[in-house]
PDB file of N, CA and C in Angstrom:
ATOM      1  N   MET A   1      22.550  56.206-100.673  1.00  0.00           N
ATOM      2  CA  MET A   1      22.632  57.463-101.377  1.00  0.00           C
ATOM      3  C   MET A   1      22.371  58.600-100.391  1.00  0.00           C
ATOM      4  N   GLN A   2      23.223  59.605-100.455  1.00  0.00           N
ATOM      5  CA  GLN A   2      23.055  60.784 -99.604  1.00  0.00           C
ATOM      6  C   GLN A   2      22.811  62.006-100.478  1.00  0.00           C
ATOM      7  N   ARG A   3      21.792  62.757-100.085  1.00  0.00           N
ATOM      8  CA  ARG A   3      21.522  64.036-100.739  1.00  0.00           C
ATOM      9  C   ARG A   3      21.330  65.081 -99.662  1.00  0.00           C
ATOM     10  N   ILE A   4      22.158  66.079 -99.719  1.00  0.00           N
ATOM     11  CA  ILE A   4      22.077  67.160 -98.744  1.00  0.00           C
ATOM     12  C   ILE A   4      21.869  68.448 -99.523  1.00  0.00           C
ATOM     13  N   ILE A   5      20.802  69.166 -99.196  1.00  0.00           N
ATOM     14  CA  ILE A   5      20.490  70.417 -99.879  1.00  0.00           C
ATOM     15  C   ILE A   5      20.477  71.531 -98.841  1.00  0.00           C
ATOM     16  N   LEU A   6      21.312  72.527 -99.060  1.00  0.00           N
ATOM     17  CA  LEU A   6      21.444  73.642 -98.127  1.00  0.00           C
ATOM     18  C   LEU A   6      20.629  74.830 -98.623  1.00  0.00           C
ATOM     19  N   ALA A   7      19.784  75.335 -97.764  1.00  0.00           N
ATOM     20  CA  ALA A   7      18.958  76.504 -98.074  1.00  0.00           C
ATOM     21  C   ALA A   7      19.118  77.517 -96.952  1.00  0.00           C
ATOM     22  N   GLY A   8      18.994  78.781 -97.293  1.00  0.00           N
ATOM     23  CA  GLY A   8      19.091  79.838 -96.292  1.00  0.00           C
ATOM     24  C   GLY A   8      19.133  81.186 -96.987  1.00  0.00           C
ATOM     25  N   ILE A   9      19.192  82.226 -96.198  1.00  0.00           N
ATOM     26  CA  ILE A   9      19.214  83.573 -96.757  1.00  0.00           C
ATOM     27  C   ILE A   9      20.535  83.799 -97.501  1.00  0.00           C
ATOM     28  N   LYS A  10      20.526  84.770 -98.441  1.00  0.00           N
ATOM     29  CA  LYS A  10      21.744  85.005 -99.210  1.00  0.00           C
ATOM     30  C   LYS A  10      22.876  85.479 -98.304  1.00  0.00           C
ATOM     31  N   HIS A  11      24.062  85.100 -98.694  1.00  0.00           N
ATOM     32  CA  HIS A  11      25.297  85.439 -97.978  1.00  0.00           C
ATOM     33  C   HIS A  11      25.360  84.823 -96.575  1.00  0.00           C
ATOM     34  N   SER A  12      24.691  83.689 -96.391  1.00  0.00           N
ATOM     35  CA  SER A  12      24.716  83.045 -95.069  1.00  0.00           C
ATOM     36  C   SER A  12      25.762  81.940 -94.981  1.00  0.00           C
ATOM     37  N   GLY A  13      26.494  81.681 -96.064  1.00  0.00           N
ATOM     38  CA  GLY A  13      27.572  80.699 -96.020  1.00  0.00           C
ATOM     39  C   GLY A  13      27.214  79.330 -96.569  1.00  0.00           C
ATOM     40  N   LYS A  14      26.122  79.234 -97.302  1.00  0.00           N
ATOM     41  CA  LYS A  14      25.680  77.935 -97.845  1.00  0.00           C
ATOM     42  C   LYS A  14      26.741  77.302 -98.734  1.00  0.00           C
ATOM     43  N   SER A  15      27.341  78.089 -99.597  1.00  0.00           N
ATOM     44  CA  SER A  15      28.352  77.544-100.515  1.00  0.00           C
ATOM     45  C   SER A  15      29.600  77.096 -99.767  1.00  0.00           C
ATOM     46  N   THR A  16      30.053  77.908 -98.844  1.00  0.00           N
ATOM     47  CA  THR A  16      31.242  77.561 -98.062  1.00  0.00           C
ATOM     48  C   THR A  16      31.009  76.289 -97.254  1.00  0.00           C
ATOM     49  N   ILE A  17      29.890  76.231 -96.584  1.00  0.00           N
ATOM     50  CA  ILE A  17      29.553  75.036 -95.810  1.00  0.00           C
ATOM     51  C   ILE A  17      29.385  73.843 -96.740  1.00  0.00           C
ATOM     52  N   GLY A  18      28.757  74.061 -97.881  1.00  0.00           N
ATOM     53  CA  GLY A  18      28.555  72.985 -98.844  1.00  0.00           C
ATOM     54  C   GLY A  18      29.860  72.386 -99.327  1.00  0.00           C
ATOM     55  N   TRP A  19      30.822  73.254 -99.693  1.00  0.00           N
ATOM     56  CA  TRP A  19      32.135  72.764-100.121  1.00  0.00           C
ATOM     57  C   TRP A  19      32.786  71.937 -99.030  1.00  0.00           C
ATOM     58  N   ASN A  20      32.801  72.473 -97.828  1.00  0.00           N
ATOM     59  CA  ASN A  20      33.444  71.770 -96.715  1.00  0.00           C
ATOM     60  C   ASN A  20      32.745  70.461 -96.392  1.00  0.00           C
ATOM     61  N   LEU A  21      31.429  70.478 -96.381  1.00  0.00           N
ATOM     62  CA  LEU A  21      30.656  69.277 -96.082  1.00  0.00           C
ATOM     63  C   LEU A  21      30.867  68.209 -97.150  1.00  0.00           C
ATOM     64  N   SER A  22      30.848  68.611 -98.399  1.00  0.00           N
ATOM     65  CA  SER A  22      31.038  67.638 -99.480  1.00  0.00           C
ATOM     66  C   SER A  22      32.442  67.034 -99.428  1.00  0.00           C
ATOM     67  N   ALA A  23      33.434  67.833 -99.097  1.00  0.00           N
ATOM     68  CA  ALA A  23      34.800  67.311 -98.973  1.00  0.00           C
ATOM     69  C   ALA A  23      34.885  66.320 -97.814  1.00  0.00           C
ATOM     70  N   HIS A  24      34.267  66.682 -96.707  1.00  0.00           N
ATOM     71  CA  HIS A  24      34.295  65.817 -95.520  1.00  0.00           C
ATOM     72  C   HIS A  24      33.590  64.487 -95.778  1.00  0.00           C
ATOM     73  N   LEU A  25      32.474  64.526 -96.508  1.00  0.00           N
ATOM     74  CA  LEU A  25      31.689  63.318 -96.779  1.00  0.00           C
ATOM     75  C   LEU A  25      32.073  62.640 -98.100  1.00  0.00           C
ATOM     76  N   ASN A  26      33.006  63.265 -98.822  1.00  0.00           N
ATOM     77  CA  ASN A  26      33.442  62.748-100.126  1.00  0.00           C
ATOM     78  C   ASN A  26      32.264  62.632-101.097  1.00  0.00           C
ATOM     79  N   LEU A  27      31.485  63.714-101.209  1.00  0.00           N
ATOM     80  CA  LEU A  27      30.333  63.772-102.104  1.00  0.00           C
ATOM     81  C   LEU A  27      30.537  64.874-103.137  1.00  0.00           C
ATOM     82  N   TYR A  28      29.863  64.748-104.252  1.00  0.00           N
ATOM     83  CA  TYR A  28      29.878  65.784-105.277  1.00  0.00           C
ATOM     84  C   TYR A  28      29.203  67.037-104.724  1.00  0.00           C
ATOM     85  N   PHE A  29      29.769  68.209-105.018  1.00  0.00           N
ATOM     86  CA  PHE A  29      29.174  69.467-104.588  1.00  0.00           C
ATOM     87  C   PHE A  29      28.745  70.288-105.783  1.00  0.00           C
ATOM     88  N   ALA A  30      27.568  70.894-105.697  1.00  0.00           N
ATOM     89  CA  ALA A  30      27.084  71.813-106.730  1.00  0.00           C
ATOM     90  C   ALA A  30      26.468  73.036-106.063  1.00  0.00           C
ATOM     91  N   ASP A  31      26.667  74.168-106.690  1.00  0.00           N
ATOM     92  CA  ASP A  31      26.077  75.427-106.239  1.00  0.00           C
ATOM     93  C   ASP A  31      25.085  75.858-107.315  1.00  0.00           C
ATOM     94  N   LEU A  32      23.841  76.097-106.943  1.00  0.00           N
ATOM     95  CA  LEU A  32      22.809  76.420-107.927  1.00  0.00           C
ATOM     96  C   LEU A  32      23.158  77.667-108.731  1.00  0.00           C
ATOM     97  N   ASP A  33      23.755  78.657-108.120  1.00  0.00           N
ATOM     98  CA  ASP A  33      24.145  79.858-108.870  1.00  0.00           C
ATOM     99  C   ASP A  33      25.129  79.504-109.988  1.00  0.00           C
ATOM    100  N   ASP A  34      26.087  78.632-109.703  1.00  0.00           N
ATOM    101  CA  ASP A  34      27.039  78.201-110.726  1.00  0.00           C
ATOM    102  C   ASP A  34      26.343  77.408-111.823  1.00  0.00           C
ATOM    103  N   LEU A  35      25.382  76.576-111.437  1.00  0.00           N
ATOM    104  CA  LEU A  35      24.635  75.793-112.424  1.00  0.00           C
ATOM    105  C   LEU A  35      23.832  76.703-113.353  1.00  0.00           C
ATOM    106  N   ILE A  36      23.243  77.745-112.797  1.00  0.00           N
ATOM    107  CA  ILE A  36      22.474  78.697-113.594  1.00  0.00           C
ATOM    108  C   ILE A  36      23.382  79.365-114.626  1.00  0.00           C
ATOM    109  N   LEU A  37      24.546  79.810-114.195  1.00  0.00           N
ATOM    110  CA  LEU A  37      25.483  80.461-115.114  1.00  0.00           C
ATOM    111  C   LEU A  37      25.961  79.487-116.183  1.00  0.00           C
ATOM    112  N   ARG A  38      26.214  78.246-115.804  1.00  0.00           N
ATOM    113  CA  ARG A  38      26.624  77.232-116.776  1.00  0.00           C
ATOM    114  C   ARG A  38      25.521  76.985-117.797  1.00  0.00           C
ATOM    115  N   ASP A  39      24.291  76.900-117.324  1.00  0.00           N
ATOM    116  CA  ASP A  39      23.174  76.588-118.211  1.00  0.00           C
ATOM    117  C   ASP A  39      22.842  77.730-119.166  1.00  0.00           C
ATOM    118  N   THR A  40      23.055  78.955-118.747  1.00  0.00           N
ATOM    119  CA  THR A  40      22.730  80.085-119.618  1.00  0.00           C
ATOM    120  C   THR A  40      23.876  80.403-120.572  1.00  0.00           C
ATOM    121  N   GLU A  41      25.115  80.190-120.153  1.00  0.00           N
ATOM    122  CA  GLU A  41      26.325  80.425-120.950  1.00  0.00           C
ATOM    123  C   GLU A  41      26.467  81.855-121.468  1.00  0.00           C
ATOM    124  N   LYS A  42      25.612  82.734-121.051  1.00  0.00           N
ATOM    125  CA  LYS A  42      25.619  84.103-121.574  1.00  0.00           C
ATOM    126  C   LYS A  42      26.094  85.126-120.539  1.00  0.00           C
ATOM    127  N   TYR A  43      25.972  84.788-119.286  1.00  0.00           N
ATOM    128  CA  TYR A  43      26.228  85.762-118.226  1.00  0.00           C
ATOM    129  C   TYR A  43      27.454  85.371-117.415  1.00  0.00           C
ATOM    130  N   GLU A  44      28.171  86.386-116.946  1.00  0.00           N
ATOM    131  CA  GLU A  44      29.365  86.139-116.140  1.00  0.00           C
ATOM    132  C   GLU A  44      29.034  86.049-114.652  1.00  0.00           C
ATOM    133  N   THR A  45      27.973  86.737-114.233  1.00  0.00           N
ATOM    134  CA  THR A  45      27.596  86.725-112.819  1.00  0.00           C
ATOM    135  C   THR A  45      26.087  86.555-112.688  1.00  0.00           C
ATOM    136  N   VAL A  46      25.679  86.059-111.535  1.00  0.00           N
ATOM    137  CA  VAL A  46      24.253  85.927-111.247  1.00  0.00           C
ATOM    138  C   VAL A  46      23.616  87.308-111.185  1.00  0.00           C
ATOM    139  N   ARG A  47      24.331  88.274-110.662  1.00  0.00           N
ATOM    140  CA  ARG A  47      23.807  89.648-110.572  1.00  0.00           C
ATOM    141  C   ARG A  47      23.496  90.197-111.965  1.00  0.00           C
ATOM    142  N   GLN A  48      24.399  89.969-112.923  1.00  0.00           N
ATOM    143  CA  GLN A  48      24.179  90.412-114.296  1.00  0.00           C
ATOM    144  C   GLN A  48      22.954  89.727-114.895  1.00  0.00           C
ATOM    145  N   LEU A  49      22.842  88.423-114.691  1.00  0.00           N
ATOM    146  CA  LEU A  49      21.702  87.662-115.191  1.00  0.00           C
ATOM    147  C   LEU A  49      20.399  88.207-114.604  1.00  0.00           C
ATOM    148  N   TYR A  50      20.398  88.458-113.295  1.00  0.00           N
ATOM    149  CA  TYR A  50      19.214  88.973-112.607  1.00  0.00           C
ATOM    150  C   TYR A  50      18.811  90.337-113.155  1.00  0.00           C
ATOM    151  N   ARG A  51      19.801  91.191-113.366  1.00  0.00           N
ATOM    152  CA  ARG A  51      19.505  92.535-113.901  1.00  0.00           C
ATOM    153  C   ARG A  51      18.872  92.455-115.287  1.00  0.00           C
ATOM    154  N   GLU A  52      19.396  91.579-116.117  1.00  0.00           N
ATOM    155  CA  GLU A  52      18.905  91.498-117.493  1.00  0.00           C
ATOM    156  C   GLU A  52      17.575  90.759-117.615  1.00  0.00           C
ATOM    157  N   LEU A  53      17.374  89.707-116.827  1.00  0.00           N
ATOM    158  CA  LEU A  53      16.155  88.917-116.928  1.00  0.00           C
ATOM    159  C   LEU A  53      15.045  89.392-115.997  1.00  0.00           C
ATOM    160  N   GLY A  54      15.407  90.128-114.959  1.00  0.00           N
ATOM    161  CA  GLY A  54      14.432  90.534-113.954  1.00  0.00           C
ATOM    162  C   GLY A  54      14.134  89.383-113.008  1.00  0.00           C
ATOM    163  N   ALA A  55      13.343  89.666-111.982  1.00  0.00           N
ATOM    164  CA  ALA A  55      13.057  88.665-110.955  1.00  0.00           C
ATOM    165  C   ALA A  55      12.365  87.433-111.523  1.00  0.00           C
ATOM    166  N   GLU A  56      11.345  87.649-112.344  1.00  0.00           N
ATOM    167  CA  GLU A  56      10.593  86.513-112.883  1.00  0.00           C
ATOM    168  C   GLU A  56      11.441  85.673-113.833  1.00  0.00           C
ATOM    169  N   GLY A  57      12.203  86.317-114.678  1.00  0.00           N
ATOM    170  CA  GLY A  57      13.070  85.593-115.607  1.00  0.00           C
ATOM    171  C   GLY A  57      14.144  84.809-114.881  1.00  0.00           C
ATOM    172  N   PHE A  58      14.707  85.435-113.844  1.00  0.00           N
ATOM    173  CA  PHE A  58      15.719  84.745-113.050  1.00  0.00           C
ATOM    174  C   PHE A  58      15.117  83.526-112.364  1.00  0.00           C
ATOM    175  N   GLN A  59      13.937  83.681-111.780  1.00  0.00           N
ATOM    176  CA  GLN A  59      13.296  82.559-111.095  1.00  0.00           C
ATOM    177  C   GLN A  59      12.966  81.425-112.063  1.00  0.00           C
ATOM    178  N   ARG A  60      12.570  81.757-113.278  1.00  0.00           N
ATOM    179  CA  ARG A  60      12.324  80.710-114.293  1.00  0.00           C
ATOM    180  C   ARG A  60      13.604  79.940-114.584  1.00  0.00           C
ATOM    181  N   GLN A  61      14.710  80.673-114.777  1.00  0.00           N
ATOM    182  CA  GLN A  61      15.984  80.012-115.062  1.00  0.00           C
ATOM    183  C   GLN A  61      16.462  79.198-113.868  1.00  0.00           C
ATOM    184  N   GLU A  62      16.281  79.740-112.683  1.00  0.00           N
ATOM    185  CA  GLU A  62      16.661  79.035-111.459  1.00  0.00           C
ATOM    186  C   GLU A  62      15.913  77.706-111.362  1.00  0.00           C
ATOM    187  N   LYS A  63      14.618  77.752-111.629  1.00  0.00           N
ATOM    188  CA  LYS A  63      13.782  76.550-111.585  1.00  0.00           C
ATOM    189  C   LYS A  63      14.245  75.529-112.620  1.00  0.00           C
ATOM    190  N   GLU A  64      14.525  75.979-113.831  1.00  0.00           N
ATOM    191  CA  GLU A  64      14.967  75.076-114.897  1.00  0.00           C
ATOM    192  C   GLU A  64      16.320  74.448-114.580  1.00  0.00           C
ATOM    193  N   SER A  65      17.241  75.245-114.068  1.00  0.00           N
ATOM    194  CA  SER A  65      18.563  74.723-113.733  1.00  0.00           C
ATOM    195  C   SER A  65      18.484  73.719-112.584  1.00  0.00           C
ATOM    196  N   LEU A  66      17.647  73.995-111.605  1.00  0.00           N
ATOM    197  CA  LEU A  66      17.469  73.063-110.494  1.00  0.00           C
ATOM    198  C   LEU A  66      16.839  71.762-110.977  1.00  0.00           C
ATOM    199  N   LYS A  67      15.833  71.884-111.814  1.00  0.00           N
ATOM    200  CA  LYS A  67      15.162  70.699-112.366  1.00  0.00           C
ATOM    201  C   LYS A  67      16.153  69.845-113.160  1.00  0.00           C
ATOM    202  N   LEU A  68      16.958  70.473-114.006  1.00  0.00           N
ATOM    203  CA  LEU A  68      17.944  69.747-114.802  1.00  0.00           C
ATOM    204  C   LEU A  68      18.964  69.044-113.910  1.00  0.00           C
ATOM    205  N   PHE A  69      19.433  69.734-112.886  1.00  0.00           N
ATOM    206  CA  PHE A  69      20.400  69.124-111.971  1.00  0.00           C
ATOM    207  C   PHE A  69      19.796  67.906-111.276  1.00  0.00           C
ATOM    208  N   LEU A  70      18.592  68.055-110.754  1.00  0.00           N
ATOM    209  CA  LEU A  70      17.964  66.941-110.026  1.00  0.00           C
ATOM    210  C   LEU A  70      17.676  65.757-110.948  1.00  0.00           C
ATOM    211  N   GLN A  71      17.356  66.019-112.193  1.00  0.00           N
ATOM    212  CA  GLN A  71      17.159  64.925-113.148  1.00  0.00           C
ATOM    213  C   GLN A  71      18.485  64.233-113.460  1.00  0.00           C
ATOM    214  N   THR A  72      19.529  65.030-113.641  1.00  0.00           N
ATOM    215  CA  THR A  72      20.841  64.485-113.975  1.00  0.00           C
ATOM    216  C   THR A  72      21.417  63.659-112.824  1.00  0.00           C
ATOM    217  N   TYR A  73      21.192  64.099-111.612  1.00  0.00           N
ATOM    218  CA  TYR A  73      21.744  63.428-110.430  1.00  0.00           C
ATOM    219  C   TYR A  73      20.682  62.639-109.671  1.00  0.00           C
ATOM    220  N   GLU A  74      19.686  62.193-110.384  1.00  0.00           N
ATOM    221  CA  GLU A  74      18.549  61.498-109.782  1.00  0.00           C
ATOM    222  C   GLU A  74      18.969  60.306-108.915  1.00  0.00           C
ATOM    223  N   ASN A  75      19.955  59.567-109.327  1.00  0.00           N
ATOM    224  CA  ASN A  75      20.366  58.368-108.592  1.00  0.00           C
ATOM    225  C   ASN A  75      21.769  58.503-108.018  1.00  0.00           C
ATOM    226  N   LYS A  76      22.172  59.730-107.702  1.00  0.00           N
ATOM    227  CA  LYS A  76      23.520  59.967-107.205  1.00  0.00           C
ATOM    228  C   LYS A  76      23.487  60.757-105.904  1.00  0.00           C
ATOM    229  N   SER A  77      24.554  60.632-105.166  1.00  0.00           N
ATOM    230  CA  SER A  77      24.706  61.394-103.924  1.00  0.00           C
ATOM    231  C   SER A  77      25.310  62.758-104.242  1.00  0.00           C
ATOM    232  N   PHE A  78      24.939  63.768-103.445  1.00  0.00           N
ATOM    233  CA  PHE A  78      25.480  65.107-103.666  1.00  0.00           C
ATOM    234  C   PHE A  78      25.176  66.013-102.485  1.00  0.00           C
ATOM    235  N   VAL A  79      25.882  67.142-102.476  1.00  0.00           N
ATOM    236  CA  VAL A  79      25.566  68.279-101.617  1.00  0.00           C
ATOM    237  C   VAL A  79      25.249  69.416-102.581  1.00  0.00           C
ATOM    238  N   LEU A  80      24.117  70.067-102.390  1.00  0.00           N
ATOM    239  CA  LEU A  80      23.688  71.156-103.264  1.00  0.00           C
ATOM    240  C   LEU A  80      23.393  72.391-102.440  1.00  0.00           C
ATOM    241  N   SER A  81      23.989  73.493-102.841  1.00  0.00           N
ATOM    242  CA  SER A  81      23.722  74.783-102.209  1.00  0.00           C
ATOM    243  C   SER A  81      22.747  75.554-103.090  1.00  0.00           C
ATOM    244  N   LEU A  82      21.600  75.914-102.533  1.00  0.00           N
ATOM    245  CA  LEU A  82      20.596  76.682-103.264  1.00  0.00           C
ATOM    246  C   LEU A  82      20.906  78.168-103.186  1.00  0.00           C
ATOM    247  N   GLY A  83      20.278  78.953-104.053  1.00  0.00           N
ATOM    248  CA  GLY A  83      20.387  80.399-103.973  1.00  0.00           C
ATOM    249  C   GLY A  83      19.536  80.910-102.809  1.00  0.00           C
ATOM    250  N   GLY A  84      19.809  82.115-102.380  1.00  0.00           N
ATOM    251  CA  GLY A  84      19.110  82.671-101.220  1.00  0.00           C
ATOM    252  C   GLY A  84      17.618  82.768-101.366  1.00  0.00           C
ATOM    253  N   GLY A  85      17.111  82.931-102.582  1.00  0.00           N
ATOM    254  CA  GLY A  85      15.673  83.077-102.790  1.00  0.00           C
ATOM    255  C   GLY A  85      14.997  81.833-103.360  1.00  0.00           C
ATOM    256  N   THR A  86      15.742  80.768-103.537  1.00  0.00           N
ATOM    257  CA  THR A  86      15.195  79.584-104.193  1.00  0.00           C
ATOM    258  C   THR A  86      13.949  79.041-103.504  1.00  0.00           C
ATOM    259  N   ILE A  87      13.943  79.006-102.196  1.00  0.00           N
ATOM    260  CA  ILE A  87      12.806  78.408-101.495  1.00  0.00           C
ATOM    261  C   ILE A  87      11.547  79.267-101.601  1.00  0.00           C
ATOM    262  N   GLU A  88      11.691  80.511-102.041  1.00  0.00           N
ATOM    263  CA  GLU A  88      10.523  81.368-102.252  1.00  0.00           C
ATOM    264  C   GLU A  88       9.934  81.180-103.640  1.00  0.00           C
ATOM    265  N   ASN A  89      10.638  80.436-104.500  1.00  0.00           N
ATOM    266  CA  ASN A  89      10.226  80.226-105.882  1.00  0.00           C
ATOM    267  C   ASN A  89       9.292  79.025-105.943  1.00  0.00           C
ATOM    268  N   LYS A  90       8.030  79.259-106.335  1.00  0.00           N
ATOM    269  CA  LYS A  90       7.063  78.180-106.388  1.00  0.00           C
ATOM    270  C   LYS A  90       7.484  77.163-107.421  1.00  0.00           C
TER     271      LYS A  90
END
């Protein structure tokens, strides 16, 4: 089983690298920002979600979406791109 998680500052290319890496390794790719939007079903963009929920609300949703993804893919291989601030979220 392979799990690759990409972290870094925002706009550093995590998603682009993640897509390419997952294609090269033939692994499932997920982007945490996309997972957050899927899980909330209310917002069209992460920026909109952040504006409406604020920093703390966004971090709560980010944590929940990450937790759900890791539980769902507990025994599977994947490449996951985190959001730029995810590693700052306790």
